[in-house]
Structure formats: structure tokens, C-alpha cells
Amino acid sequence: MAKGITKKEPDPRVVYADIIGMPHWQSPKHPHMSLWNRAAQFASYKALTGYEDMIAEEARFTDREIGLEEHALEVLNRKLQRIAELAAAGQSPALTFTVFVPDASKDGGSYTEVTDRVKRIDEVAGEVVLMSKRERSGVRESIPLARIVDVRGEAVDGIAAE
């Protein structure tokens, strides 16, 4: 019948015939551990550390940045020009900007709203400088002009395309 790996080895059923029929040994001090508890001993071992994080990151959705149509871009430019005039006159209007914030780890990003007072528009750097210095919704103390999609507030709500 079944011999060992090579033909020279004896049949293991013959060698161990005296113990094959014996019952499994049980410790008199420790109760028999259930299969559930035995499996739990190895549950903390994760062969693929970080795999769940990688899957969650891959499943996370990002928005694509959409370009503005010519009409919407014209309205936005007029609003930004009005903001620049107010800031040059020493006023700091409170406005809500809809901004595209690029994602740090994958293509795309998200649209977020930032409400703050405007200090000035820096045309050289191409950004709107805000009054507060704290970070809000991925936007620090300034917003790049190229990332602004819309502006709302008392100072600019009446501006529309002609």
C-alpha cells in the first residue's frame, strides 16, 4: 500500500500501528480550545498590511476639473474685477468662493466652498489673498485664480453677463 517517499522506507501504518488507534491526548489542566478560539489566535496576523487602505484609496471618488464656458468665464472675470476694485478702495468684502482643490494622491480633486473676507487680489501671483490665515477645506490663506469656479456675495451678486 502506501510506502514512504522512497521505496526503501517502511510503511508508516506498520511503524505507528500501536498509536494510530489511540484517542487524542487532552490536558487535565486546560480545557479543549474551540476551533473559533484557535482561529482567533492567528486573526491579528495580516500578511497584506495596508491592503485595505490601498483598496479604500482606490475606491475613493474624485471629481474632474471642468472648464468654464465662455459666458460663465466672462461673468467670473467681471466679479473678480469688482472684487479687485473694492479691495483697492480699502474694502474687504465677505464672499463665498467655489474652488476646485486638486487631490494630493490621485487624479482629480473636489469642489469646495470657502467663505472669507478678501484682503486683495494679487495679479502677479494670480491669486485672491484672504484675510484669515487658517486652512479651510484644503485652501490656505490664498486661492489661485485659475481654480475659482464661482463667487457669491453681496458685493458681486448683481453682476451678470451683458
N, C-alpha and C. Protein backbone atom coordinates (compact mmCIF):
# COMPACT_ATOMS: atom_id res chain seq x y z
N MET A 1 0.84 -1.18 0.00
CA MET A 1 0.00 0.00 0.00
C MET A 1 0.87 1.23 0.00
N ALA A 2 0.61 2.11 0.94
CA ALA A 2 1.34 3.37 0.96
C ALA A 2 2.67 3.19 1.65
N LYS A 3 3.68 3.34 0.88
CA LYS A 3 5.02 3.28 1.46
C LYS A 3 5.47 4.71 1.67
N GLY A 4 6.66 4.88 2.17
CA GLY A 4 7.21 6.21 2.39
C GLY A 4 7.51 6.88 1.07
N ILE A 5 8.26 7.96 1.12
CA ILE A 5 8.60 8.72 -0.07
C ILE A 5 9.43 7.88 -1.02
N THR A 6 10.38 7.14 -0.48
CA THR A 6 11.17 6.25 -1.32
C THR A 6 10.76 4.81 -1.00
N LYS A 7 11.09 3.92 -1.87
CA LYS A 7 10.68 2.53 -1.68
C LYS A 7 11.45 1.85 -0.56
N LYS A 8 12.53 2.49 -0.09
CA LYS A 8 13.34 1.88 0.96
C LYS A 8 12.74 2.09 2.35
N GLU A 9 11.83 3.09 2.47
CA GLU A 9 11.27 3.37 3.80
C GLU A 9 10.13 2.41 4.09
N PRO A 10 9.94 2.08 5.38
CA PRO A 10 8.85 1.16 5.73
C PRO A 10 7.49 1.85 5.68
N ASP A 11 6.45 1.10 5.65
CA ASP A 11 5.08 1.62 5.63
C ASP A 11 4.79 2.28 6.98
N PRO A 12 4.38 3.59 6.99
CA PRO A 12 4.15 4.28 8.27
C PRO A 12 3.02 3.66 9.07
N ARG A 13 2.04 3.03 8.42
CA ARG A 13 0.95 2.41 9.17
C ARG A 13 1.44 1.21 9.98
N VAL A 14 2.48 0.59 9.49
CA VAL A 14 3.05 -0.55 10.23
C VAL A 14 3.90 -0.02 11.38
N VAL A 15 4.69 1.01 11.11
CA VAL A 15 5.59 1.56 12.13
C VAL A 15 4.80 2.14 13.29
N TYR A 16 3.70 2.89 12.97
CA TYR A 16 2.95 3.58 14.02
C TYR A 16 1.63 2.88 14.34
N ALA A 17 1.52 1.61 14.08
CA ALA A 17 0.28 0.86 14.32
C ALA A 17 -0.13 0.86 15.78
N ASP A 18 0.83 0.96 16.69
CA ASP A 18 0.50 0.90 18.11
C ASP A 18 -0.15 2.20 18.62
N ILE A 19 0.03 3.33 17.93
CA ILE A 19 -0.56 4.58 18.43
C ILE A 19 -1.65 5.15 17.52
N ILE A 20 -1.84 4.58 16.36
CA ILE A 20 -2.83 5.14 15.41
C ILE A 20 -4.24 5.06 15.99
N GLY A 21 -4.60 4.06 16.68
CA GLY A 21 -5.95 3.89 17.20
C GLY A 21 -6.17 4.56 18.54
N MET A 22 -5.17 5.16 19.14
CA MET A 22 -5.31 5.78 20.48
C MET A 22 -6.06 7.11 20.38
N PRO A 23 -6.81 7.47 21.43
CA PRO A 23 -7.50 8.77 21.42
C PRO A 23 -6.50 9.93 21.53
N HIS A 24 -6.92 11.10 21.05
CA HIS A 24 -6.07 12.30 21.11
C HIS A 24 -5.86 12.69 22.57
N TRP A 25 -4.63 13.06 22.93
CA TRP A 25 -4.31 13.42 24.30
C TRP A 25 -4.96 14.75 24.67
N GLN A 26 -5.50 14.85 25.88
CA GLN A 26 -6.11 16.07 26.41
C GLN A 26 -5.44 16.42 27.72
N SER A 27 -5.17 17.72 27.89
CA SER A 27 -4.56 18.17 29.13
C SER A 27 -5.59 18.14 30.25
N PRO A 28 -5.20 17.65 31.43
CA PRO A 28 -6.16 17.65 32.54
C PRO A 28 -6.32 19.06 33.14
N LYS A 29 -5.36 19.96 32.91
CA LYS A 29 -5.41 21.31 33.48
C LYS A 29 -6.13 22.31 32.59
N HIS A 30 -5.98 22.20 31.28
CA HIS A 30 -6.52 23.19 30.35
C HIS A 30 -7.66 22.58 29.54
N PRO A 31 -8.80 23.28 29.47
CA PRO A 31 -9.91 22.74 28.67
C PRO A 31 -9.57 22.81 27.17
N HIS A 32 -10.25 22.00 26.42
CA HIS A 32 -10.02 21.94 24.97
C HIS A 32 -10.46 23.27 24.35
N MET A 33 -9.61 23.85 23.53
CA MET A 33 -9.90 25.13 22.89
C MET A 33 -10.79 24.92 21.68
N SER A 34 -11.81 25.77 21.56
CA SER A 34 -12.72 25.64 20.42
C SER A 34 -11.99 26.05 19.14
N LEU A 35 -12.54 25.62 18.00
CA LEU A 35 -11.95 25.99 16.72
C LEU A 35 -11.99 27.51 16.52
N TRP A 36 -13.05 28.16 17.02
CA TRP A 36 -13.18 29.62 16.91
C TRP A 36 -12.03 30.31 17.64
N ASN A 37 -11.74 29.88 18.86
CA ASN A 37 -10.66 30.50 19.63
C ASN A 37 -9.29 30.17 19.03
N ARG A 38 -9.15 28.98 18.48
CA ARG A 38 -7.87 28.63 17.85
C ARG A 38 -7.63 29.50 16.62
N ALA A 39 -8.69 29.75 15.86
CA ALA A 39 -8.56 30.60 14.68
C ALA A 39 -8.28 32.05 15.08
N ALA A 40 -8.83 32.49 16.20
CA ALA A 40 -8.64 33.87 16.66
C ALA A 40 -7.18 34.15 17.01
N GLN A 41 -6.42 33.15 17.33
CA GLN A 41 -5.00 33.34 17.64
C GLN A 41 -4.25 33.92 16.45
N PHE A 42 -4.69 33.57 15.25
CA PHE A 42 -3.99 34.00 14.05
C PHE A 42 -4.69 35.16 13.35
N ALA A 43 -5.78 35.64 13.88
CA ALA A 43 -6.54 36.70 13.23
C ALA A 43 -5.76 38.02 13.20
N SER A 44 -4.94 38.27 14.19
CA SER A 44 -4.21 39.53 14.22
C SER A 44 -3.08 39.58 13.19
N TYR A 45 -2.70 38.47 12.66
CA TYR A 45 -1.65 38.42 11.65
C TYR A 45 -2.25 38.81 10.30
N LYS A 46 -1.70 39.84 9.70
CA LYS A 46 -2.17 40.27 8.38
C LYS A 46 -1.00 40.20 7.41
N ALA A 47 -1.09 39.32 6.48
CA ALA A 47 0.00 39.16 5.52
C ALA A 47 0.11 40.36 4.60
N LEU A 48 -1.01 41.00 4.31
CA LEU A 48 -1.01 42.13 3.39
C LEU A 48 -1.32 43.42 4.17
N THR A 49 -0.37 43.87 4.95
CA THR A 49 -0.54 45.09 5.73
C THR A 49 -0.74 46.27 4.79
N GLY A 50 -1.77 47.06 5.04
CA GLY A 50 -2.06 48.23 4.22
C GLY A 50 -2.92 47.96 3.01
N TYR A 51 -3.26 46.71 2.78
CA TYR A 51 -4.05 46.36 1.61
C TYR A 51 -5.44 47.01 1.66
N GLU A 52 -6.08 46.98 2.84
CA GLU A 52 -7.40 47.58 2.99
C GLU A 52 -7.34 49.08 2.72
N ASP A 53 -6.28 49.73 3.20
CA ASP A 53 -6.12 51.17 2.95
C ASP A 53 -5.96 51.46 1.47
N MET A 54 -5.19 50.60 0.79
CA MET A 54 -4.98 50.79 -0.64
C MET A 54 -6.29 50.62 -1.41
N ILE A 55 -7.09 49.63 -1.03
CA ILE A 55 -8.38 49.40 -1.69
C ILE A 55 -9.32 50.57 -1.43
N ALA A 56 -9.35 51.07 -0.18
CA ALA A 56 -10.21 52.21 0.15
C ALA A 56 -9.79 53.45 -0.63
N GLU A 57 -8.49 53.67 -0.77
CA GLU A 57 -8.00 54.83 -1.53
C GLU A 57 -8.36 54.70 -3.00
N GLU A 58 -8.27 53.50 -3.54
CA GLU A 58 -8.61 53.29 -4.95
C GLU A 58 -10.11 53.48 -5.18
N ALA A 59 -10.92 53.12 -4.20
CA ALA A 59 -12.37 53.23 -4.34
C ALA A 59 -12.86 54.66 -4.09
N ARG A 60 -12.03 55.51 -3.49
CA ARG A 60 -12.44 56.88 -3.20
C ARG A 60 -12.61 57.66 -4.50
N PHE A 61 -13.75 58.34 -4.61
CA PHE A 61 -14.05 59.08 -5.83
C PHE A 61 -13.46 60.48 -5.76
N THR A 62 -13.02 60.97 -6.91
CA THR A 62 -12.60 62.36 -7.06
C THR A 62 -13.35 62.94 -8.25
N ASP A 63 -13.54 64.25 -8.21
CA ASP A 63 -14.21 64.93 -9.32
C ASP A 63 -13.17 65.35 -10.35
N ARG A 64 -13.62 65.46 -11.57
CA ARG A 64 -12.76 66.02 -12.62
C ARG A 64 -12.95 67.53 -12.61
N GLU A 65 -11.89 68.23 -12.92
CA GLU A 65 -11.99 69.69 -13.02
C GLU A 65 -12.64 70.01 -14.36
N ILE A 66 -13.72 70.78 -14.28
CA ILE A 66 -14.41 71.15 -15.52
C ILE A 66 -14.05 72.58 -15.88
N GLY A 67 -13.88 72.81 -17.15
CA GLY A 67 -13.58 74.16 -17.62
C GLY A 67 -14.87 74.96 -17.75
N LEU A 68 -14.78 76.25 -17.49
CA LEU A 68 -15.96 77.10 -17.59
C LEU A 68 -16.23 77.46 -19.05
N GLU A 69 -17.49 77.59 -19.37
CA GLU A 69 -17.87 78.05 -20.69
C GLU A 69 -17.54 79.53 -20.80
N GLU A 70 -17.51 80.04 -22.01
CA GLU A 70 -17.11 81.43 -22.26
C GLU A 70 -17.99 82.42 -21.50
N HIS A 71 -19.29 82.17 -21.49
CA HIS A 71 -20.24 83.05 -20.79
C HIS A 71 -19.95 83.08 -19.29
N ALA A 72 -19.79 81.91 -18.68
CA ALA A 72 -19.52 81.83 -17.24
C ALA A 72 -18.16 82.43 -16.89
N LEU A 73 -17.19 82.26 -17.76
CA LEU A 73 -15.86 82.81 -17.54
C LEU A 73 -15.90 84.34 -17.59
N GLU A 74 -16.71 84.89 -18.49
CA GLU A 74 -16.86 86.34 -18.59
C GLU A 74 -17.49 86.92 -17.32
N VAL A 75 -18.51 86.25 -16.79
CA VAL A 75 -19.16 86.69 -15.56
C VAL A 75 -18.17 86.61 -14.39
N LEU A 76 -17.42 85.52 -14.32
CA LEU A 76 -16.43 85.36 -13.25
C LEU A 76 -15.36 86.46 -13.32
N ASN A 77 -14.89 86.78 -14.50
CA ASN A 77 -13.89 87.83 -14.66
C ASN A 77 -14.42 89.18 -14.20
N ARG A 78 -15.69 89.48 -14.51
CA ARG A 78 -16.29 90.74 -14.04
C ARG A 78 -16.39 90.77 -12.52
N LYS A 79 -16.76 89.65 -11.94
CA LYS A 79 -16.85 89.58 -10.48
C LYS A 79 -15.47 89.79 -9.84
N LEU A 80 -14.47 89.16 -10.39
CA LEU A 80 -13.12 89.31 -9.85
C LEU A 80 -12.60 90.74 -10.03
N GLN A 81 -12.97 91.37 -11.13
CA GLN A 81 -12.58 92.76 -11.36
C GLN A 81 -13.24 93.67 -10.33
N ARG A 82 -14.50 93.42 -10.02
CA ARG A 82 -15.21 94.19 -8.99
C ARG A 82 -14.57 93.98 -7.62
N ILE A 83 -14.19 92.78 -7.31
CA ILE A 83 -13.53 92.49 -6.03
C ILE A 83 -12.21 93.25 -5.95
N ALA A 84 -11.45 93.27 -7.03
CA ALA A 84 -10.17 93.98 -7.06
C ALA A 84 -10.38 95.47 -6.83
N GLU A 85 -11.44 96.04 -7.42
CA GLU A 85 -11.74 97.46 -7.22
C GLU A 85 -12.08 97.75 -5.76
N LEU A 86 -12.90 96.90 -5.17
CA LEU A 86 -13.29 97.09 -3.76
C LEU A 86 -12.08 96.97 -2.84
N ALA A 87 -11.23 95.99 -3.10
CA ALA A 87 -10.04 95.79 -2.27
C ALA A 87 -9.08 96.97 -2.41
N ALA A 88 -8.95 97.53 -3.61
CA ALA A 88 -8.07 98.69 -3.84
C ALA A 88 -8.61 99.92 -3.12
N ALA A 89 -9.94 99.99 -2.93
CA ALA A 89 -10.57 101.11 -2.23
C ALA A 89 -10.53 100.92 -0.72
N GLY A 90 -9.91 99.85 -0.25
CA GLY A 90 -9.79 99.61 1.19
C GLY A 90 -10.90 98.78 1.80
N GLN A 91 -11.79 98.28 0.99
CA GLN A 91 -12.88 97.44 1.50
C GLN A 91 -12.46 95.98 1.44
N SER A 92 -13.01 95.21 2.35
CA SER A 92 -12.73 93.76 2.32
C SER A 92 -14.06 93.01 2.37
N PRO A 93 -14.66 92.78 1.20
CA PRO A 93 -15.97 92.14 1.17
C PRO A 93 -15.92 90.67 1.57
N ALA A 94 -16.98 90.23 2.24
CA ALA A 94 -17.12 88.82 2.60
C ALA A 94 -17.75 88.10 1.41
N LEU A 95 -17.06 87.08 0.92
CA LEU A 95 -17.50 86.36 -0.26
C LEU A 95 -17.39 84.85 -0.06
N THR A 96 -18.14 84.12 -0.85
CA THR A 96 -18.05 82.67 -0.87
C THR A 96 -17.52 82.25 -2.23
N PHE A 97 -16.37 81.58 -2.24
CA PHE A 97 -15.73 81.12 -3.46
C PHE A 97 -15.97 79.62 -3.62
N THR A 98 -16.35 79.20 -4.81
CA THR A 98 -16.39 77.78 -5.14
C THR A 98 -15.08 77.48 -5.85
N VAL A 99 -14.29 76.57 -5.25
CA VAL A 99 -12.92 76.35 -5.68
C VAL A 99 -12.70 74.86 -5.95
N PHE A 100 -11.95 74.57 -7.00
CA PHE A 100 -11.52 73.20 -7.25
C PHE A 100 -10.20 72.97 -6.52
N VAL A 101 -10.17 72.00 -5.61
CA VAL A 101 -8.96 71.67 -4.86
C VAL A 101 -8.43 70.33 -5.38
N PRO A 102 -7.25 70.32 -6.02
CA PRO A 102 -6.70 69.07 -6.55
C PRO A 102 -6.39 68.08 -5.43
N ASP A 103 -6.60 66.80 -5.72
CA ASP A 103 -6.30 65.75 -4.75
C ASP A 103 -4.80 65.53 -4.69
N ALA A 104 -4.28 65.31 -3.50
CA ALA A 104 -2.84 65.16 -3.32
C ALA A 104 -2.33 63.80 -3.80
N SER A 105 -3.19 62.78 -3.83
CA SER A 105 -2.68 61.44 -4.11
C SER A 105 -3.20 60.79 -5.40
N LYS A 106 -4.20 61.39 -6.04
CA LYS A 106 -4.68 60.78 -7.27
C LYS A 106 -5.23 61.85 -8.19
N ASP A 107 -5.51 61.47 -9.44
CA ASP A 107 -6.03 62.43 -10.41
C ASP A 107 -7.38 62.95 -9.97
N GLY A 108 -7.65 64.21 -10.31
CA GLY A 108 -8.92 64.81 -9.96
C GLY A 108 -8.81 65.62 -8.68
N GLY A 109 -9.92 65.82 -8.04
CA GLY A 109 -9.96 66.59 -6.80
C GLY A 109 -11.38 66.74 -6.34
N SER A 110 -11.67 67.87 -5.66
CA SER A 110 -13.02 68.09 -5.17
C SER A 110 -13.34 69.58 -5.24
N TYR A 111 -14.60 69.86 -5.35
CA TYR A 111 -15.07 71.24 -5.33
C TYR A 111 -15.48 71.57 -3.90
N THR A 112 -15.00 72.70 -3.42
CA THR A 112 -15.31 73.10 -2.05
C THR A 112 -15.64 74.58 -2.03
N GLU A 113 -16.36 74.99 -1.00
CA GLU A 113 -16.71 76.39 -0.85
C GLU A 113 -15.90 76.99 0.29
N VAL A 114 -15.36 78.16 0.05
CA VAL A 114 -14.57 78.88 1.05
C VAL A 114 -15.21 80.24 1.24
N THR A 115 -15.59 80.55 2.48
CA THR A 115 -16.17 81.84 2.80
C THR A 115 -15.20 82.61 3.67
N ASP A 116 -14.84 83.81 3.21
CA ASP A 116 -13.88 84.63 3.95
C ASP A 116 -13.93 86.04 3.40
N ARG A 117 -13.23 86.94 4.09
CA ARG A 117 -13.09 88.32 3.61
C ARG A 117 -11.85 88.38 2.73
N VAL A 118 -11.94 89.19 1.68
CA VAL A 118 -10.85 89.33 0.73
C VAL A 118 -9.96 90.49 1.14
N LYS A 119 -8.67 90.21 1.23
CA LYS A 119 -7.70 91.26 1.53
C LYS A 119 -7.32 92.00 0.25
N ARG A 120 -6.97 91.24 -0.79
CA ARG A 120 -6.59 91.83 -2.07
C ARG A 120 -6.52 90.73 -3.12
N ILE A 121 -6.40 91.16 -4.36
CA ILE A 121 -6.16 90.22 -5.46
C ILE A 121 -4.75 90.50 -5.95
N ASP A 122 -3.91 89.49 -5.85
CA ASP A 122 -2.52 89.59 -6.29
C ASP A 122 -2.45 89.11 -7.73
N GLU A 123 -2.40 90.07 -8.66
CA GLU A 123 -2.42 89.73 -10.08
C GLU A 123 -1.11 89.11 -10.54
N VAL A 124 0.00 89.48 -9.88
CA VAL A 124 1.30 88.91 -10.26
C VAL A 124 1.34 87.42 -9.91
N ALA A 125 0.92 87.08 -8.70
CA ALA A 125 0.91 85.67 -8.27
C ALA A 125 -0.32 84.94 -8.80
N GLY A 126 -1.34 85.69 -9.25
CA GLY A 126 -2.54 85.07 -9.78
C GLY A 126 -3.38 84.41 -8.70
N GLU A 127 -3.63 85.15 -7.60
CA GLU A 127 -4.40 84.57 -6.51
C GLU A 127 -5.19 85.63 -5.75
N VAL A 128 -6.25 85.17 -5.10
CA VAL A 128 -7.04 86.01 -4.21
C VAL A 128 -6.50 85.79 -2.81
N VAL A 129 -6.03 86.86 -2.17
CA VAL A 129 -5.47 86.75 -0.81
C VAL A 129 -6.60 86.99 0.18
N LEU A 130 -6.78 86.06 1.10
CA LEU A 130 -7.85 86.13 2.09
C LEU A 130 -7.36 86.74 3.39
N MET A 131 -8.29 87.21 4.22
CA MET A 131 -7.94 87.86 5.48
C MET A 131 -7.42 86.86 6.52
N SER A 132 -8.08 85.73 6.67
CA SER A 132 -7.68 84.78 7.72
C SER A 132 -6.52 83.92 7.24
N LYS A 133 -5.73 83.44 8.18
CA LYS A 133 -4.53 82.65 7.86
C LYS A 133 -4.73 81.15 8.07
N ARG A 134 -5.87 80.74 8.57
CA ARG A 134 -6.08 79.33 8.86
C ARG A 134 -6.48 78.56 7.60
N GLU A 135 -6.23 77.28 7.61
CA GLU A 135 -6.57 76.45 6.45
C GLU A 135 -8.01 76.00 6.56
N ARG A 136 -8.75 76.15 5.47
CA ARG A 136 -10.15 75.76 5.42
C ARG A 136 -10.37 74.92 4.17
N SER A 137 -10.88 73.76 4.34
CA SER A 137 -11.27 72.89 3.22
C SER A 137 -10.19 72.74 2.17
N GLY A 138 -8.95 72.60 2.60
CA GLY A 138 -7.85 72.40 1.67
C GLY A 138 -7.31 73.68 1.07
N VAL A 139 -7.86 74.85 1.46
CA VAL A 139 -7.41 76.14 0.94
C VAL A 139 -6.76 76.90 2.07
N ARG A 140 -5.55 77.39 1.83
CA ARG A 140 -4.84 78.16 2.86
C ARG A 140 -5.26 79.62 2.78
N GLU A 141 -4.34 80.54 2.96
CA GLU A 141 -4.69 81.96 3.01
C GLU A 141 -4.90 82.61 1.64
N SER A 142 -4.73 81.87 0.56
CA SER A 142 -4.98 82.43 -0.77
C SER A 142 -5.56 81.35 -1.68
N ILE A 143 -6.28 81.84 -2.70
CA ILE A 143 -6.92 80.94 -3.66
C ILE A 143 -6.38 81.27 -5.05
N PRO A 144 -5.83 80.30 -5.77
CA PRO A 144 -5.39 80.56 -7.14
C PRO A 144 -6.57 80.96 -8.02
N LEU A 145 -6.41 82.00 -8.81
CA LEU A 145 -7.49 82.47 -9.68
C LEU A 145 -7.94 81.38 -10.65
N ALA A 146 -7.02 80.56 -11.11
CA ALA A 146 -7.35 79.51 -12.08
C ALA A 146 -8.25 78.43 -11.49
N ARG A 147 -8.30 78.31 -10.15
CA ARG A 147 -9.10 77.26 -9.51
C ARG A 147 -10.50 77.73 -9.11
N ILE A 148 -10.78 79.03 -9.25
CA ILE A 148 -12.08 79.57 -8.86
C ILE A 148 -13.09 79.28 -9.95
N VAL A 149 -14.25 78.75 -9.53
CA VAL A 149 -15.32 78.41 -10.46
C VAL A 149 -16.46 79.41 -10.34
N ASP A 150 -16.72 79.90 -9.11
CA ASP A 150 -17.82 80.83 -8.89
C ASP A 150 -17.52 81.67 -7.66
N VAL A 151 -18.12 82.87 -7.63
CA VAL A 151 -18.01 83.76 -6.48
C VAL A 151 -19.41 84.26 -6.16
N ARG A 152 -19.77 84.22 -4.87
CA ARG A 152 -21.07 84.72 -4.43
C ARG A 152 -20.85 85.64 -3.24
N GLY A 153 -21.71 86.62 -3.13
CA GLY A 153 -21.67 87.55 -2.02
C GLY A 153 -22.35 88.84 -2.41
N GLU A 154 -22.68 89.68 -1.41
CA GLU A 154 -23.39 90.94 -1.66
C GLU A 154 -22.68 91.81 -2.69
N ALA A 155 -21.37 91.85 -2.63
CA ALA A 155 -20.60 92.74 -3.48
C ALA A 155 -20.65 92.35 -4.95
N VAL A 156 -20.94 91.09 -5.26
CA VAL A 156 -20.87 90.64 -6.66
C VAL A 156 -22.14 89.95 -7.16
N ASP A 157 -23.15 89.84 -6.33
CA ASP A 157 -24.35 89.09 -6.75
C ASP A 157 -25.11 89.75 -7.90
N GLY A 158 -25.01 91.07 -8.07
CA GLY A 158 -25.74 91.74 -9.13
C GLY A 158 -25.05 91.70 -10.48
N ILE A 159 -23.83 91.18 -10.53
CA ILE A 159 -23.06 91.17 -11.77
C ILE A 159 -23.48 89.98 -12.63
N ALA A 160 -23.82 90.28 -13.87
CA ALA A 160 -24.19 89.22 -14.82
C ALA A 160 -23.60 89.58 -16.18
N ALA A 161 -23.60 88.63 -17.07
CA ALA A 161 -23.06 88.88 -18.41
C ALA A 161 -24.02 89.76 -19.19
N GLU A 162 -23.47 90.62 -19.98
CA GLU A 162 -24.30 91.53 -20.79
C GLU A 162 -24.54 90.95 -22.15
